[in-house]
Amino acid sequence: MSSKHSSPTTTGLSSKGLSAGKIGAIGGAVIGISCIAPAYTLTSGLGPTISEVGVHTPSVLLIGFVPMLLVVFGYRELNTAMPDSGTTFTWATRAFGPWLGWMGGWGLVAATVLVLSNLAAVAVDFLFLLLSQVFSDPQIAELTRVLWINIPVTVVLTAAAAWISYRGVEATERLQVWLVAFQVLALGWFVVAALVQVAGGTAFDPTPVSIDWFNPFSAGDFSTVAAAVSLSIFLFWGWDTVITMNEEAKDPEKTPGRAALLTILAIVIIYIACTVAVISFAGIGTEGLGAGNPANQESIFASLAGPVMGPFAVLVSIAVLSSSLSSLQATMVSPSRTILAMGHYGALPEKYGRVSPRYKSPSVATVTSAGAAIIFYVVMRLLSENALWDTITALGLMVCFYYGITGLACIWYFRRTLFTSARTFFFRFLFPLIGGVTLLVIFVTTAIDSLDPDYGSGSSVFGVGLVFVLGIGVLLLGAAIMIVQSIRHPDFFRGRTLRQGVDAG
């Protein structure tokens, strides 16, 4: 950290002993793109979106992109003032005090542990799918449904991801450059091949691109817009991982913010290009290869890659597999560094604040993240595959919760300087306010809706929707752990290790 912001007397922040000066803006953006996993996210999320809003999907993506972008500015301002690996936990503590700060940190950790379990599940599914394609044996793809095969393979993949993450951010960056480059190349190939067929008249249902596809005002009514914002949580979430590496960045105050902006801009370009290619090639019909066909929605690329790319279609399967694997590994970065900060400042037991002397990375925190993801996956998979997929929606609750808290923390922490210039008005007040409030409204709305047993997969516990039980239940578990920790180790909660403060201007 720079001398301007590292003094404990002004911020209460202190170094954790992580490997400093290792990640640049491009490297950070690569890890951010990997966390979002565009190949995996698109193949599972594009079909259902097209079935809802048709050719207006590009405008829906642009609408959903807005609150994410606005929150990025709040993150950037907070990181510039307080570059700390705890991010939401640290910043909310400085703005609102230890209790809300602790819950913000818990929301981040819980969300990432939930998504780790799902990424592992997807990686295993596509691993067996790829093997079935390579050996031309459809039965191999069915092996993923055999629990005694699925669970051990999932555990091995998660453990391998944790091992790479444990070896430090340089090992993570080196791996991600290749994995991200491959999936972007494969998606680019798909886009070009689809548009070439459209131009040549050989596409399944050639649909001319119209400027109206990109008009947000033609996307539909308020409920459609609200759905778009909710969708953005899943499509764009993950960019904040680059912020948690701020203490390892080459310029802790500036590099993470630049990397986050590069990440989210690159992702929206990839999403729009792939969406236009899919709609132009396949149309939005509900028959055959149409993007609106329910049979194609589980994996739009699995349905279209063959007709679009011919013998090279296997590259897309490899891209989706590498996408989920790379995201599994890169996402491990985020909870481990938040847990590290919570242990460092006494919000969790001291052992969680330990750093590997050799690799300068979180040690206990990384193992804990992986272990929690494995346990959660095994329990949910044994209960029901539907229950496991309900965690995706429950994940959205926690993401909205901690993103929203972060947006408002920016406003409150900088409250004395919000109106000193046009820049501070927009970046410290207006943008974080709109983004934060929007996401908190989505959090409350989703929580109320998910009380309905029909919400999500339709599973319920004592008549209450499983999504609500998972999402709110995990947050309540965090509150219980927080109370126990405040009794056993009260220093953090009394402001002795990380004090509430305000930007002095």
Protein backbone atom coordinates (compact mmCIF):
# COMPACT_ATOMS: atom_id res chain seq x y z
CA MET A 1 0.00 0.00 0.00
CA SER A 2 1.05 3.54 -0.50
CA SER A 3 2.13 5.63 2.46
CA LYS A 4 -0.90 7.81 1.95
CA HIS A 5 -3.33 5.11 2.99
CA SER A 6 -1.40 2.47 4.89
CA SER A 7 -1.02 4.21 8.23
CA PRO A 8 -2.99 2.39 10.95
CA THR A 9 -3.70 5.72 12.61
CA THR A 10 -5.68 6.92 9.58
CA THR A 11 -7.35 3.76 8.30
CA GLY A 12 -6.69 0.96 10.75
CA LEU A 13 -5.58 -1.19 7.78
CA SER A 14 -2.46 -3.32 7.79
CA SER A 15 -0.58 -5.67 5.47
CA LYS A 16 -1.37 -9.40 5.58
CA GLY A 17 1.98 -10.55 4.18
CA LEU A 18 0.66 -11.44 0.73
CA SER A 19 2.97 -11.42 -2.29
CA ALA A 20 3.01 -7.77 -3.38
CA GLY A 21 3.46 -6.22 -6.83
CA LYS A 22 2.60 -9.32 -8.85
CA ILE A 23 -0.66 -8.56 -10.74
CA GLY A 24 -1.09 -5.92 -13.44
CA ALA A 25 -4.32 -4.62 -14.97
CA ILE A 26 -4.27 -7.11 -17.87
CA GLY A 27 -3.45 -10.07 -15.62
CA GLY A 28 -6.19 -9.01 -13.22
CA ALA A 29 -8.68 -8.71 -16.08
CA VAL A 30 -7.76 -12.21 -17.29
CA ILE A 31 -8.53 -13.63 -13.84
CA GLY A 32 -11.74 -11.59 -13.70
CA ILE A 33 -12.93 -12.90 -17.09
CA SER A 34 -12.07 -16.40 -15.95
CA CYS A 35 -14.20 -16.03 -12.80
CA ILE A 36 -17.20 -14.90 -14.84
CA ALA A 37 -16.63 -17.88 -17.19
CA PRO A 38 -18.29 -16.53 -20.36
CA ALA A 39 -18.40 -19.87 -22.25
CA TYR A 40 -20.11 -21.67 -19.38
CA THR A 41 -22.41 -18.76 -18.48
CA LEU A 42 -23.56 -18.24 -22.07
CA THR A 43 -24.21 -21.88 -22.87
CA SER A 44 -26.49 -22.26 -19.86
CA GLY A 45 -28.02 -18.77 -19.65
CA LEU A 46 -28.47 -17.57 -23.23
CA GLY A 47 -31.22 -19.98 -24.32
CA PRO A 48 -33.64 -19.22 -21.45
CA THR A 49 -33.09 -15.48 -21.94
CA ILE A 50 -33.83 -15.64 -25.66
CA SER A 51 -36.97 -17.66 -24.97
CA GLU A 52 -38.19 -14.83 -22.71
CA VAL A 53 -37.31 -11.70 -24.71
CA GLY A 54 -36.40 -12.98 -28.18
CA VAL A 55 -34.39 -10.66 -30.42
CA HIS A 56 -34.26 -8.05 -27.66
CA THR A 57 -31.79 -10.17 -25.67
CA PRO A 58 -28.86 -7.83 -26.55
CA SER A 59 -30.76 -4.85 -25.08
CA VAL A 60 -31.63 -6.91 -21.98
CA LEU A 61 -27.93 -7.69 -21.53
CA LEU A 62 -27.13 -3.99 -21.79
CA ILE A 63 -29.80 -3.14 -19.20
CA GLY A 64 -28.50 -5.80 -16.82
CA PHE A 65 -24.94 -4.60 -17.36
CA VAL A 66 -25.71 -1.12 -15.99
CA PRO A 67 -26.05 -1.81 -12.21
CA MET A 68 -22.92 -3.97 -12.30
CA LEU A 69 -20.97 -1.16 -13.97
CA LEU A 70 -22.29 1.43 -11.49
CA VAL A 71 -21.22 -0.69 -8.53
CA VAL A 72 -17.76 -1.09 -10.09
CA PHE A 73 -17.22 2.66 -9.68
CA GLY A 74 -18.02 2.40 -5.97
CA TYR A 75 -15.56 -0.47 -5.63
CA ARG A 76 -12.91 1.55 -7.46
CA GLU A 77 -13.29 4.57 -5.18
CA LEU A 78 -13.19 2.46 -2.01
CA ASN A 79 -10.19 0.50 -3.24
CA THR A 80 -8.30 3.68 -4.07
CA ALA A 81 -8.78 4.91 -0.51
CA MET A 82 -8.45 1.53 1.24
CA PRO A 83 -6.68 -1.16 -0.83
CA ASP A 84 -7.34 -4.20 1.36
CA SER A 85 -7.96 -7.85 0.44
CA GLY A 86 -11.05 -7.88 2.66
CA THR A 87 -12.90 -5.57 0.20
CA THR A 88 -16.60 -5.58 1.22
CA PHE A 89 -15.80 -6.82 4.73
CA THR A 90 -13.15 -4.16 5.33
CA TRP A 91 -14.95 -1.29 3.62
CA ALA A 92 -18.35 -1.92 5.21
CA THR A 93 -16.64 -2.18 8.61
CA ARG A 94 -14.93 1.17 8.07
CA ALA A 95 -18.19 2.75 6.88
CA PHE A 96 -20.89 1.13 9.02
CA GLY A 97 -19.06 -0.62 11.85
CA PRO A 98 -18.08 -4.23 12.63
CA TRP A 99 -21.49 -5.90 12.63
CA LEU A 100 -22.62 -4.96 9.13
CA GLY A 101 -19.04 -5.28 7.93
CA TRP A 102 -18.90 -8.88 9.20
CA MET A 103 -22.17 -9.77 7.48
CA GLY A 104 -20.99 -8.18 4.21
CA GLY A 105 -17.87 -10.33 4.33
CA TRP A 106 -19.93 -13.41 5.15
CA GLY A 107 -22.21 -12.71 2.17
CA LEU A 108 -19.20 -12.64 -0.16
CA VAL A 109 -17.67 -15.81 1.28
CA ALA A 110 -20.98 -17.70 1.26
CA ALA A 111 -21.79 -16.68 -2.32
CA THR A 112 -18.41 -17.78 -3.63
CA VAL A 113 -18.49 -21.10 -1.74
CA LEU A 114 -21.94 -21.83 -3.20
CA VAL A 115 -20.80 -21.04 -6.74
CA LEU A 116 -17.64 -23.12 -6.29
CA SER A 117 -19.83 -26.16 -5.64
CA ASN A 118 -21.85 -25.47 -8.80
CA LEU A 119 -18.80 -24.79 -10.96
CA ALA A 120 -17.37 -28.12 -9.86
CA ALA A 121 -20.65 -29.81 -10.80
CA VAL A 122 -20.66 -28.22 -14.27
CA ALA A 123 -17.01 -29.07 -14.84
CA VAL A 124 -17.66 -32.74 -14.10
CA ASP A 125 -20.75 -32.81 -16.36
CA PHE A 126 -18.83 -31.35 -19.30
CA LEU A 127 -15.79 -33.53 -18.63
CA PHE A 128 -17.86 -36.66 -19.22
CA LEU A 129 -19.70 -35.00 -22.13
CA LEU A 130 -16.38 -34.20 -23.80
CA LEU A 131 -15.14 -37.76 -23.26
CA SER A 132 -18.33 -39.10 -24.80
CA GLN A 133 -17.77 -36.90 -27.87
CA VAL A 134 -14.11 -37.88 -28.22
CA PHE A 135 -14.87 -41.62 -27.97
CA SER A 136 -18.26 -41.39 -29.78
CA ASP A 137 -19.97 -43.15 -26.89
CA PRO A 138 -23.06 -41.36 -25.46
CA GLN A 139 -23.03 -43.69 -22.45
CA ILE A 140 -19.91 -42.00 -21.09
CA ALA A 141 -21.84 -38.72 -20.67
CA GLU A 142 -24.29 -40.55 -18.38
CA LEU A 143 -21.52 -41.45 -15.93
CA THR A 144 -21.87 -37.99 -14.38
CA ARG A 145 -25.19 -39.17 -12.90
CA VAL A 146 -23.50 -42.03 -11.05
CA LEU A 147 -22.86 -40.55 -7.60
CA TRP A 148 -19.96 -42.82 -6.63
CA ILE A 149 -18.15 -41.60 -9.77
CA ASN A 150 -19.38 -38.00 -9.80
CA ILE A 151 -18.59 -37.09 -6.19
CA PRO A 152 -14.94 -38.30 -6.10
CA VAL A 153 -14.17 -36.61 -9.44
CA THR A 154 -15.73 -33.37 -8.18
CA VAL A 155 -13.66 -33.53 -4.99
CA VAL A 156 -10.45 -34.08 -6.99
CA LEU A 157 -11.16 -31.11 -9.31
CA THR A 158 -11.96 -28.80 -6.39
CA ALA A 159 -8.84 -29.90 -4.50
CA ALA A 160 -6.69 -29.34 -7.61
CA ALA A 161 -8.13 -25.83 -8.02
CA ALA A 162 -7.36 -25.07 -4.37
CA TRP A 163 -3.79 -26.37 -4.77
CA ILE A 164 -3.12 -24.05 -7.73
CA SER A 165 -4.66 -21.11 -5.85
CA TYR A 166 -2.56 -21.96 -2.79
CA ARG A 167 0.59 -21.68 -4.90
CA GLY A 168 -0.07 -17.94 -5.24
CA VAL A 169 -1.51 -15.42 -7.68
CA GLU A 170 1.34 -15.85 -10.17
CA ALA A 171 0.47 -19.54 -10.62
CA THR A 172 -3.19 -18.58 -10.94
CA GLU A 173 -2.43 -15.89 -13.54
CA ARG A 174 -0.21 -18.15 -15.66
CA LEU A 175 -2.87 -20.87 -15.83
CA GLN A 176 -5.74 -18.46 -16.50
CA VAL A 177 -4.02 -16.72 -19.44
CA TRP A 178 -4.09 -19.98 -21.40
CA LEU A 179 -7.56 -21.09 -20.33
CA VAL A 180 -9.16 -17.69 -20.97
CA ALA A 181 -7.36 -17.29 -24.31
CA PHE A 182 -8.66 -20.67 -25.45
CA GLN A 183 -12.29 -20.07 -24.53
CA VAL A 184 -12.30 -16.58 -26.08
CA LEU A 185 -10.72 -18.02 -29.27
CA ALA A 186 -13.34 -20.81 -29.42
CA LEU A 187 -16.21 -18.36 -28.88
CA GLY A 188 -14.73 -16.02 -31.50
CA TRP A 189 -14.53 -18.93 -33.96
CA PHE A 190 -18.19 -19.74 -33.26
CA VAL A 191 -19.25 -16.11 -33.82
CA VAL A 192 -17.36 -15.75 -37.12
CA ALA A 193 -18.52 -19.15 -38.42
CA ALA A 194 -22.15 -18.36 -37.57
CA LEU A 195 -22.09 -14.94 -39.23
CA VAL A 196 -20.37 -16.37 -42.34
CA GLN A 197 -23.21 -18.88 -42.71
CA VAL A 198 -25.77 -16.11 -42.18
CA ALA A 199 -24.12 -14.04 -44.93
CA GLY A 200 -24.00 -17.07 -47.21
CA GLY A 201 -27.63 -17.98 -46.65
CA THR A 202 -26.80 -21.41 -45.20
CA ALA A 203 -27.80 -20.64 -41.60
CA PHE A 204 -30.70 -22.53 -40.00
CA ASP A 205 -32.94 -19.46 -39.78
CA PRO A 206 -31.05 -16.41 -41.09
CA THR A 207 -32.26 -13.39 -39.11
CA PRO A 208 -31.00 -9.95 -40.19
CA VAL A 209 -29.44 -7.91 -37.37
CA SER A 210 -31.52 -4.84 -36.48
CA ILE A 211 -30.60 -1.77 -34.47
CA ASP A 212 -33.82 -2.36 -32.55
CA TRP A 213 -32.18 -5.40 -30.92
CA PHE A 214 -30.02 -2.97 -28.94
CA ASN A 215 -32.76 -0.51 -27.94
CA PRO A 216 -33.35 -0.81 -24.15
CA PHE A 217 -36.73 0.91 -24.46
CA SER A 218 -38.04 -1.87 -26.68
CA ALA A 219 -37.07 -4.64 -24.27
CA GLY A 220 -40.46 -4.80 -22.59
CA ASP A 221 -42.29 -3.76 -19.43
CA PHE A 222 -40.91 -3.21 -15.93
CA SER A 223 -41.06 -6.90 -15.02
CA THR A 224 -38.86 -7.69 -18.03
CA VAL A 225 -36.38 -4.99 -17.02
CA ALA A 226 -36.35 -6.31 -13.43
CA ALA A 227 -35.71 -9.81 -14.76
CA ALA A 228 -32.82 -8.40 -16.80
CA VAL A 229 -31.21 -6.91 -13.70
CA SER A 230 -31.67 -10.20 -11.89
CA LEU A 231 -30.12 -12.03 -14.83
CA SER A 232 -27.11 -9.72 -14.74
CA ILE A 233 -26.25 -11.00 -11.28
CA PHE A 234 -25.44 -14.40 -12.74
CA LEU A 235 -24.03 -13.20 -16.05
CA PHE A 236 -21.68 -10.51 -14.78
CA TRP A 237 -20.91 -11.60 -11.21
CA GLY A 238 -17.27 -12.44 -10.50
CA TRP A 239 -15.43 -9.29 -11.61
CA ASP A 240 -14.92 -8.25 -7.97
CA THR A 241 -12.40 -11.09 -7.53
CA VAL A 242 -9.82 -8.80 -9.14
CA ILE A 243 -10.40 -6.28 -6.34
CA THR A 244 -9.66 -8.87 -3.63
CA MET A 245 -6.16 -9.17 -5.09
CA ASN A 246 -5.44 -5.48 -4.48
CA GLU A 247 -2.65 -6.13 -1.97
CA GLU A 248 -0.93 -8.28 -4.62
CA ALA A 249 -1.37 -5.72 -7.43
CA LYS A 250 1.48 -3.72 -8.96
CA ASP A 251 -0.34 -0.51 -7.99
CA PRO A 252 -2.80 -1.41 -5.18
CA GLU A 253 -4.76 1.84 -5.49
CA LYS A 254 -5.24 1.93 -9.28
CA THR A 255 -4.59 -1.48 -10.86
CA PRO A 256 -7.61 -3.37 -9.37
CA GLY A 257 -10.10 -0.71 -10.46
CA ARG A 258 -8.69 -0.69 -13.99
CA ALA A 259 -8.74 -4.50 -14.11
CA ALA A 260 -12.38 -4.55 -12.96
CA LEU A 261 -13.44 -2.09 -15.67
CA LEU A 262 -11.50 -4.02 -18.33
CA THR A 263 -13.13 -7.24 -17.15
CA ILE A 264 -16.71 -6.06 -17.26
CA LEU A 265 -16.27 -4.24 -20.60
CA ALA A 266 -14.65 -7.30 -22.20
CA ILE A 267 -17.44 -9.53 -20.90
CA VAL A 268 -20.26 -7.37 -22.26
CA ILE A 269 -18.55 -7.33 -25.70
CA ILE A 270 -18.22 -11.15 -25.66
CA TYR A 271 -21.84 -11.58 -24.55
CA ILE A 272 -23.26 -9.23 -27.20
CA ALA A 273 -21.19 -10.79 -30.02
CA CYS A 274 -22.22 -14.34 -29.11
CA THR A 275 -25.87 -13.35 -28.66
CA VAL A 276 -26.03 -11.65 -32.05
CA ALA A 277 -24.37 -14.69 -33.68
CA VAL A 278 -26.80 -17.16 -32.08
CA ILE A 279 -29.94 -15.18 -32.97
CA SER A 280 -28.72 -14.39 -36.49
CA PHE A 281 -27.90 -18.03 -37.20
CA ALA A 282 -30.69 -19.91 -35.42
CA GLY A 283 -33.48 -17.35 -35.10
CA ILE A 284 -35.77 -17.37 -32.06
CA GLY A 285 -38.13 -20.12 -33.17
CA THR A 286 -39.15 -23.01 -30.95
CA GLU A 287 -38.50 -25.76 -33.52
CA GLY A 288 -35.30 -27.51 -34.59
CA LEU A 289 -32.18 -25.45 -33.94
CA GLY A 290 -34.20 -22.35 -33.01
CA ALA A 291 -32.79 -20.55 -29.98
CA GLY A 292 -36.28 -20.51 -28.46
CA ASN A 293 -36.55 -24.31 -28.56
CA PRO A 294 -36.71 -25.61 -24.95
CA ALA A 295 -34.66 -28.64 -26.00
CA ASN A 296 -31.71 -26.35 -26.81
CA GLN A 297 -31.83 -24.22 -23.67
CA GLU A 298 -29.86 -26.40 -21.30
CA SER A 299 -26.77 -25.88 -23.44
CA ILE A 300 -27.19 -23.65 -26.48
CA PHE A 301 -23.63 -24.24 -27.67
CA ALA A 302 -24.00 -28.03 -27.45
CA SER A 303 -26.97 -27.72 -29.83
CA LEU A 304 -25.50 -25.20 -32.28
CA ALA A 305 -21.75 -25.92 -32.27
CA GLY A 306 -22.04 -28.86 -34.71
CA PRO A 307 -24.17 -27.09 -37.34
CA VAL A 308 -22.09 -23.90 -37.02
CA MET A 309 -18.54 -25.25 -36.74
CA GLY A 310 -18.75 -28.74 -38.21
CA PRO A 311 -15.88 -31.02 -37.12
CA PHE A 312 -14.44 -28.24 -34.96
CA ALA A 313 -17.50 -28.26 -32.68
CA VAL A 314 -15.53 -30.21 -30.09
CA LEU A 315 -13.58 -27.00 -29.45
CA VAL A 316 -16.69 -25.43 -27.93
CA SER A 317 -17.15 -28.38 -25.57
CA ILE A 318 -13.52 -28.03 -24.55
CA ALA A 319 -14.08 -24.27 -24.12
CA VAL A 320 -17.07 -24.78 -21.81
CA LEU A 321 -15.14 -27.37 -19.81
CA SER A 322 -12.07 -25.12 -19.56
CA SER A 323 -14.35 -22.19 -18.72
CA SER A 324 -15.90 -23.95 -15.73
CA LEU A 325 -12.55 -25.37 -14.61
CA SER A 326 -10.75 -22.02 -14.90
CA SER A 327 -13.58 -20.28 -13.06
CA LEU A 328 -13.47 -22.94 -10.34
CA GLN A 329 -9.79 -22.19 -9.84
CA ALA A 330 -9.89 -18.41 -10.18
CA THR A 331 -13.00 -18.01 -8.00
CA MET A 332 -11.06 -19.68 -5.18
CA VAL A 333 -9.06 -16.43 -4.96
CA SER A 334 -11.96 -14.36 -3.65
CA PRO A 335 -13.24 -16.17 -0.53
CA SER A 336 -9.73 -17.11 0.58
CA ARG A 337 -8.62 -13.46 0.66
CA THR A 338 -11.76 -12.27 2.41
CA ILE A 339 -11.43 -15.02 5.04
CA LEU A 340 -7.74 -14.08 5.36
CA ALA A 341 -8.67 -10.46 6.11
CA MET A 342 -11.37 -11.51 8.58
CA GLY A 343 -8.83 -13.68 10.41
CA HIS A 344 -6.18 -10.96 10.24
CA TYR A 345 -8.43 -8.36 11.89
CA GLY A 346 -9.86 -10.76 14.47
CA ALA A 347 -13.33 -11.14 12.93
CA LEU A 348 -12.56 -14.87 12.67
CA PRO A 349 -10.09 -16.97 14.68
CA GLU A 350 -6.46 -15.99 14.17
CA LYS A 351 -5.54 -19.16 12.24
CA TYR A 352 -7.57 -17.95 9.23
CA GLY A 353 -5.22 -14.98 8.92
CA ARG A 354 -2.18 -17.16 8.23
CA VAL A 355 -0.19 -16.75 5.00
CA SER A 356 2.01 -19.43 3.42
CA PRO A 357 5.66 -18.44 4.06
CA ARG A 358 6.67 -19.98 0.71
CA TYR A 359 3.90 -18.88 -1.64
CA LYS A 360 2.75 -15.70 0.15
CA SER A 361 -0.88 -16.76 -0.30
CA PRO A 362 -3.70 -17.50 2.18
CA SER A 363 -3.08 -21.00 3.53
CA VAL A 364 -5.79 -21.96 6.03
CA ALA A 365 -8.31 -19.71 4.25
CA THR A 366 -7.78 -21.44 0.87
CA VAL A 367 -8.12 -24.93 2.36
CA THR A 368 -11.21 -23.81 4.29
CA SER A 369 -12.86 -22.41 1.14
CA ALA A 370 -12.27 -25.62 -0.79
CA GLY A 371 -13.36 -27.80 2.11
CA ALA A 372 -16.59 -25.86 2.60
CA ALA A 373 -17.38 -26.08 -1.13
CA ILE A 374 -16.76 -29.84 -1.16
CA ILE A 375 -18.91 -30.48 1.92
CA PHE A 376 -21.74 -28.32 0.57
CA TYR A 377 -21.60 -30.06 -2.81
CA VAL A 378 -21.62 -33.57 -1.37
CA VAL A 379 -24.54 -32.85 0.99
CA MET A 380 -26.65 -31.10 -1.66
CA ARG A 381 -25.88 -33.72 -4.35
CA LEU A 382 -26.89 -36.54 -2.01
CA LEU A 383 -30.13 -34.73 -1.18
CA SER A 384 -31.14 -33.86 -4.74
CA GLU A 385 -29.68 -32.61 -7.99
CA ASN A 386 -32.52 -30.06 -8.07
CA ALA A 387 -31.47 -28.83 -4.63
CA LEU A 388 -27.95 -28.27 -5.93
CA TRP A 389 -29.18 -26.13 -8.82
CA ASP A 390 -31.41 -24.11 -6.48
CA THR A 391 -28.18 -22.82 -4.96
CA ILE A 392 -27.65 -20.73 -8.12
CA THR A 393 -30.72 -18.65 -7.30
CA ALA A 394 -29.82 -18.55 -3.61
CA LEU A 395 -26.40 -17.32 -4.70
CA GLY A 396 -28.11 -14.31 -6.28
CA LEU A 397 -29.54 -13.31 -2.92
CA MET A 398 -26.12 -13.11 -1.32
CA VAL A 399 -24.50 -11.36 -4.27
CA CYS A 400 -27.19 -8.66 -4.24
CA PHE A 401 -26.73 -8.38 -0.48
CA TYR A 402 -22.99 -7.76 -0.42
CA TYR A 403 -22.84 -5.74 -3.65
CA GLY A 404 -25.62 -3.52 -2.32
CA ILE A 405 -23.85 -3.04 1.01
CA THR A 406 -20.63 -2.13 -0.81
CA GLY A 407 -22.37 0.47 -2.96
CA LEU A 408 -23.90 2.17 0.09
CA ALA A 409 -20.63 1.85 2.03
CA CYS A 410 -18.98 3.98 -0.66
CA ILE A 411 -21.53 6.76 -0.16
CA TRP A 412 -21.36 6.72 3.63
CA TYR A 413 -17.58 6.47 3.89
CA PHE A 414 -17.08 9.42 1.53
CA ARG A 415 -20.06 11.43 2.80
CA ARG A 416 -17.94 14.51 3.57
CA THR A 417 -16.57 14.71 0.01
CA LEU A 418 -19.54 13.64 -2.10
CA PHE A 419 -20.27 17.09 -3.49
CA THR A 420 -16.82 18.64 -3.69
CA SER A 421 -16.60 18.08 -7.47
CA ALA A 422 -18.51 16.63 -10.40
CA ARG A 423 -16.26 13.56 -10.26
CA THR A 424 -16.99 12.77 -6.60
CA PHE A 425 -20.71 13.41 -7.15
CA PHE A 426 -20.93 10.79 -9.89
CA PHE A 427 -18.38 8.19 -8.78
CA ARG A 428 -18.83 8.37 -4.99
CA PHE A 429 -22.52 9.19 -4.77
CA LEU A 430 -24.83 8.85 -7.77
CA PHE A 431 -23.43 5.73 -9.48
CA PRO A 432 -22.93 3.65 -6.28
CA LEU A 433 -26.34 4.82 -5.01
CA ILE A 434 -28.23 3.66 -8.10
CA GLY A 435 -26.29 0.39 -8.35
CA GLY A 436 -26.42 -0.41 -4.63
CA VAL A 437 -30.10 0.41 -4.11
CA THR A 438 -31.11 -1.49 -7.27
CA LEU A 439 -29.34 -4.62 -6.07
CA LEU A 440 -30.74 -4.38 -2.54
CA VAL A 441 -34.25 -4.01 -4.00
CA ILE A 442 -33.63 -7.15 -6.06
CA PHE A 443 -32.41 -8.88 -2.87
CA VAL A 444 -35.63 -8.09 -0.99
CA THR A 445 -37.86 -8.89 -3.98
CA THR A 446 -36.16 -12.23 -4.62
CA ALA A 447 -36.28 -13.15 -0.93
CA ILE A 448 -40.05 -12.52 -0.82
CA ASP A 449 -40.69 -14.35 -4.10
CA SER A 450 -38.58 -17.34 -3.05
CA LEU A 451 -40.84 -18.01 -0.05
CA ASP A 452 -43.15 -19.64 -2.60
CA PRO A 453 -42.43 -23.41 -2.81
CA ASP A 454 -42.85 -23.19 -6.61
CA TYR A 455 -39.91 -20.79 -6.88
CA GLY A 456 -36.81 -22.32 -8.50
CA SER A 457 -36.95 -26.11 -8.85
CA GLY A 458 -40.18 -26.34 -6.87
CA SER A 459 -38.51 -27.96 -3.86
CA SER A 460 -39.54 -26.85 -0.37
CA VAL A 461 -38.82 -27.37 3.31
CA PHE A 462 -41.91 -27.39 5.57
CA GLY A 463 -43.82 -25.50 2.89
CA VAL A 464 -41.15 -22.81 2.41
CA GLY A 465 -39.29 -22.56 -0.91
CA LEU A 466 -35.86 -24.20 -0.87
CA VAL A 467 -34.27 -21.13 -2.49
CA PHE A 468 -35.38 -19.00 0.48
CA VAL A 469 -34.22 -21.64 2.98
CA LEU A 470 -30.79 -21.83 1.33
CA GLY A 471 -30.27 -18.09 0.76
CA ILE A 472 -31.65 -16.63 3.96
CA GLY A 473 -30.62 -19.71 5.95
CA VAL A 474 -26.95 -19.25 5.02
CA LEU A 475 -27.13 -15.55 5.96
CA LEU A 476 -28.70 -16.46 9.32
CA LEU A 477 -25.97 -19.05 9.87
CA GLY A 478 -23.47 -16.24 9.33
CA ALA A 479 -25.26 -14.08 11.90
CA ALA A 480 -25.08 -16.94 14.43
CA ILE A 481 -21.33 -17.46 13.82
CA MET A 482 -20.84 -13.70 14.15
CA ILE A 483 -22.51 -13.64 17.58
CA VAL A 484 -20.42 -16.56 18.81
CA GLN A 485 -17.24 -14.92 17.51
CA SER A 486 -18.15 -11.60 19.17
CA ILE A 487 -18.39 -13.39 22.51
CA ARG A 488 -15.23 -15.46 22.17
CA HIS A 489 -13.04 -12.83 20.43
CA PRO A 490 -14.57 -9.40 21.07
CA ASP A 491 -11.69 -7.13 19.99
CA PHE A 492 -12.86 -6.71 16.39
CA PHE A 493 -16.43 -6.03 17.45
CA ARG A 494 -15.25 -3.36 19.89
CA GLY A 495 -13.32 -1.53 17.17
CA ARG A 496 -9.87 -2.40 18.49
CA THR A 497 -8.50 -4.10 15.36
CA LEU A 498 -10.35 -2.27 12.57
CA ARG A 499 -12.09 0.97 13.47
CA GLN A 500 -15.11 2.58 11.91
CA GLY A 501 -14.05 5.82 10.23
CA VAL A 502 -14.78 8.33 7.52
CA ASP A 503 -12.86 9.78 4.60
CA ALA A 504 -11.38 13.08 5.78
CA GLY A 505 -11.37 14.55 2.27
